[in-house]
Amino acid sequence: MTASTNPIFLPITTVQHDFEAVVTDVREGTVPFEDFWISCYHQNEPSVHGKVRAELDEEDRHLVLLKGKDGVQIERGELVRIRSNLGLATQSAKVTFCTKHSYFVSCSQLSTTKTRVVVPNRTYPSPKTNSNSRIVGLHRRSLVLSSDFFDSARDSRPR
């Protein structure tokens, strides 16, 4: 007996890489509000590209409201503690913890509900002289390079 299985296509969500910096800038009063982008994709469906406005609440000036538009929503979840062993190279067995919010993205047009967004633990400056280039570490074996890295690499190629 052979069972026929149909593939399951999972939706894909991407969020502007520095969206937490946007939220921090608003919370600290550097800017009164700022937008960041979210894109959602699903097999054989039109993609959805929306914006989220981060702005301070009128009454609680320590609360940053996240207002999605163009079909996307994002919610801040509970605070989570993140353990890091990245100090091992310079200090013996140092384990550090930082507290961050978790985030959940939804896109009703693609029937995507409350999907957790994975955010980087740390960012590291690129060894290049361009201070805008960043290497973003996600997990032990994964690296994501910002578009600035590729732009500077493209500019330095011989012509």
Protein backbone atom coordinates (compact mmCIF):
# COMPACT_ATOMS: atom_id res chain seq x y z
CA MET A 1 0.00 0.00 0.00
CA THR A 2 1.50 3.30 -1.09
CA ALA A 3 0.26 6.48 0.49
CA SER A 4 0.31 9.55 -1.71
CA THR A 5 1.39 12.65 0.17
CA ASN A 6 1.00 16.17 -1.03
CA PRO A 7 3.75 18.63 -0.16
CA ILE A 8 2.98 21.27 2.44
CA PHE A 9 4.22 24.73 1.51
CA LEU A 10 5.09 26.88 4.50
CA PRO A 11 4.78 30.66 4.35
CA ILE A 12 7.94 32.75 4.55
CA THR A 13 8.17 36.01 6.45
CA THR A 14 11.05 38.49 6.36
CA VAL A 15 11.43 41.57 8.52
CA GLN A 16 13.77 44.53 8.10
CA HIS A 17 17.02 43.38 9.73
CA ASP A 18 17.34 46.38 12.06
CA PHE A 19 13.68 46.65 13.13
CA GLU A 20 14.64 46.31 16.80
CA ALA A 21 16.90 49.36 16.43
CA VAL A 22 13.90 51.24 15.00
CA VAL A 23 11.82 50.28 18.07
CA THR A 24 14.68 51.29 20.38
CA ASP A 25 15.10 54.68 18.66
CA VAL A 26 11.41 55.42 19.17
CA ARG A 27 11.39 54.18 22.79
CA GLU A 28 14.43 56.33 23.64
CA GLY A 29 12.92 59.41 21.98
CA THR A 30 15.53 59.70 19.22
CA VAL A 31 12.66 59.95 16.73
CA PRO A 32 8.91 60.39 17.42
CA PHE A 33 7.99 57.52 15.06
CA GLU A 34 9.57 55.40 12.37
CA ASP A 35 8.51 52.70 9.91
CA PHE A 36 10.05 49.33 9.10
CA TRP A 37 9.04 46.76 6.48
CA ILE A 38 7.71 43.20 6.61
CA SER A 39 7.27 40.92 3.59
CA CYS A 40 5.23 37.71 3.52
CA TYR A 41 5.38 35.03 0.82
CA HIS A 42 3.45 31.82 0.14
CA GLN A 43 3.56 29.32 -2.73
CA ASN A 44 1.37 30.36 -5.70
CA GLU A 45 0.05 33.45 -3.90
CA PRO A 46 0.88 37.12 -4.49
CA SER A 47 3.44 38.33 -1.97
CA VAL A 48 2.48 40.92 0.64
CA HIS A 49 4.82 43.83 1.41
CA GLY A 50 3.72 46.04 4.28
CA LYS A 51 5.02 48.58 6.74
CA VAL A 52 4.80 48.83 10.50
CA ARG A 53 4.79 52.18 12.25
CA ALA A 54 6.56 52.23 15.63
CA GLU A 55 5.44 55.17 17.78
CA LEU A 56 5.19 56.07 21.45
CA ASP A 57 1.88 55.61 23.21
CA GLU A 58 0.25 58.95 24.08
CA GLU A 59 -0.29 58.03 27.75
CA ASP A 60 2.47 55.53 28.59
CA ARG A 61 5.62 57.12 27.16
CA HIS A 62 7.62 53.91 27.82
CA LEU A 63 5.35 51.85 25.55
CA VAL A 64 6.09 51.61 21.82
CA LEU A 65 3.01 50.81 19.73
CA LEU A 66 3.49 48.72 16.59
CA LYS A 67 0.80 49.52 13.99
CA GLY A 68 0.85 47.34 10.87
CA LYS A 69 -0.51 48.47 7.50
CA ASP A 70 -0.78 47.10 3.97
CA GLY A 71 -1.77 43.64 5.24
CA VAL A 72 0.87 42.90 7.87
CA GLN A 73 0.75 42.93 11.67
CA ILE A 74 3.42 42.45 14.32
CA GLU A 75 2.97 41.90 18.05
CA ARG A 76 5.48 42.06 20.82
CA GLY A 77 5.51 38.90 22.93
CA GLU A 78 6.87 38.27 26.38
CA LEU A 79 10.39 39.07 27.42
CA VAL A 80 12.74 36.15 26.91
CA ARG A 81 16.18 35.47 28.36
CA ILE A 82 18.83 34.58 25.82
CA ARG A 83 21.91 32.67 26.88
CA SER A 84 25.16 33.32 25.09
CA ASN A 85 28.51 31.54 25.25
CA LEU A 86 30.18 34.03 22.92
CA GLY A 87 32.49 35.27 25.69
CA LEU A 88 34.36 31.93 25.75
CA ALA A 89 37.12 33.11 23.41
CA THR A 90 38.33 35.78 25.81
CA GLN A 91 37.19 34.59 29.23
CA SER A 92 36.92 31.13 30.69
CA ALA A 93 33.38 29.71 30.69
CA LYS A 94 31.61 33.04 30.79
CA VAL A 95 27.90 32.75 30.07
CA THR A 96 25.95 35.96 29.61
CA PHE A 97 22.22 36.57 29.50
CA CYS A 98 20.29 39.33 27.85
CA THR A 99 16.58 39.99 27.94
CA LYS A 100 14.74 40.69 24.69
CA HIS A 101 11.17 40.70 23.49
CA SER A 102 9.89 38.01 21.20
CA TYR A 103 7.86 39.13 18.17
CA PHE A 104 5.04 37.54 16.18
CA VAL A 105 4.07 38.44 12.60
CA SER A 106 0.75 37.73 10.89
CA CYS A 107 -0.59 38.32 7.39
CA SER A 108 -4.31 37.74 6.99
CA GLN A 109 -4.21 37.85 3.16
CA LEU A 110 -1.97 34.74 3.15
CA SER A 111 -3.69 33.16 6.19
CA THR A 112 -0.47 33.39 8.20
CA THR A 113 -1.24 33.75 11.88
CA LYS A 114 1.09 34.71 14.70
CA THR A 115 4.41 33.36 13.44
CA ARG A 116 7.37 33.93 15.74
CA VAL A 117 10.19 36.03 14.28
CA VAL A 118 13.74 34.97 15.11
CA VAL A 119 15.94 37.96 15.86
CA PRO A 120 19.74 38.01 16.15
CA ASN A 121 21.35 37.80 19.58
CA ARG A 122 24.21 40.10 18.64
CA THR A 123 25.63 42.04 15.74
CA TYR A 124 29.32 42.41 14.97
CA PRO A 125 30.97 45.25 13.08
CA SER A 126 32.53 44.21 9.82
CA PRO A 127 36.32 44.31 9.70
CA LYS A 128 35.99 46.60 6.68
CA THR A 129 36.31 50.35 7.15
CA ASN A 130 32.66 50.96 6.19
CA SER A 131 30.92 51.38 9.57
CA ASN A 132 27.51 50.59 8.00
CA SER A 133 28.52 47.01 7.12
CA ARG A 134 27.28 44.52 9.67
CA ILE A 135 27.54 40.78 10.10
CA VAL A 136 24.50 39.55 11.97
CA GLY A 137 24.90 36.31 13.91
CA LEU A 138 21.70 34.27 14.21
CA HIS A 139 22.72 30.83 15.44
CA ARG A 140 25.84 28.76 15.97
CA ARG A 141 26.30 27.89 12.30
CA SER A 142 24.32 30.57 10.47
CA LEU A 143 25.42 34.00 9.33
CA VAL A 144 23.47 36.67 7.55
CA LEU A 145 25.33 39.48 5.85
CA SER A 146 23.70 42.84 5.38
CA SER A 147 23.25 44.31 1.91
CA ASP A 148 25.92 46.92 2.77
CA PHE A 149 28.48 44.08 2.80
CA PHE A 150 27.56 43.03 -0.72
CA ASP A 151 27.50 46.64 -1.94
CA SER A 152 31.03 47.29 -0.63
CA ALA A 153 32.27 43.95 -2.07
CA ARG A 154 30.79 44.82 -5.47
CA ASP A 155 32.41 48.30 -5.40
CA SER A 156 35.87 46.87 -4.62
CA ARG A 157 35.93 44.36 -7.52
CA PRO A 158 38.45 45.09 -10.29
CA ARG A 159 36.87 46.45 -13.46
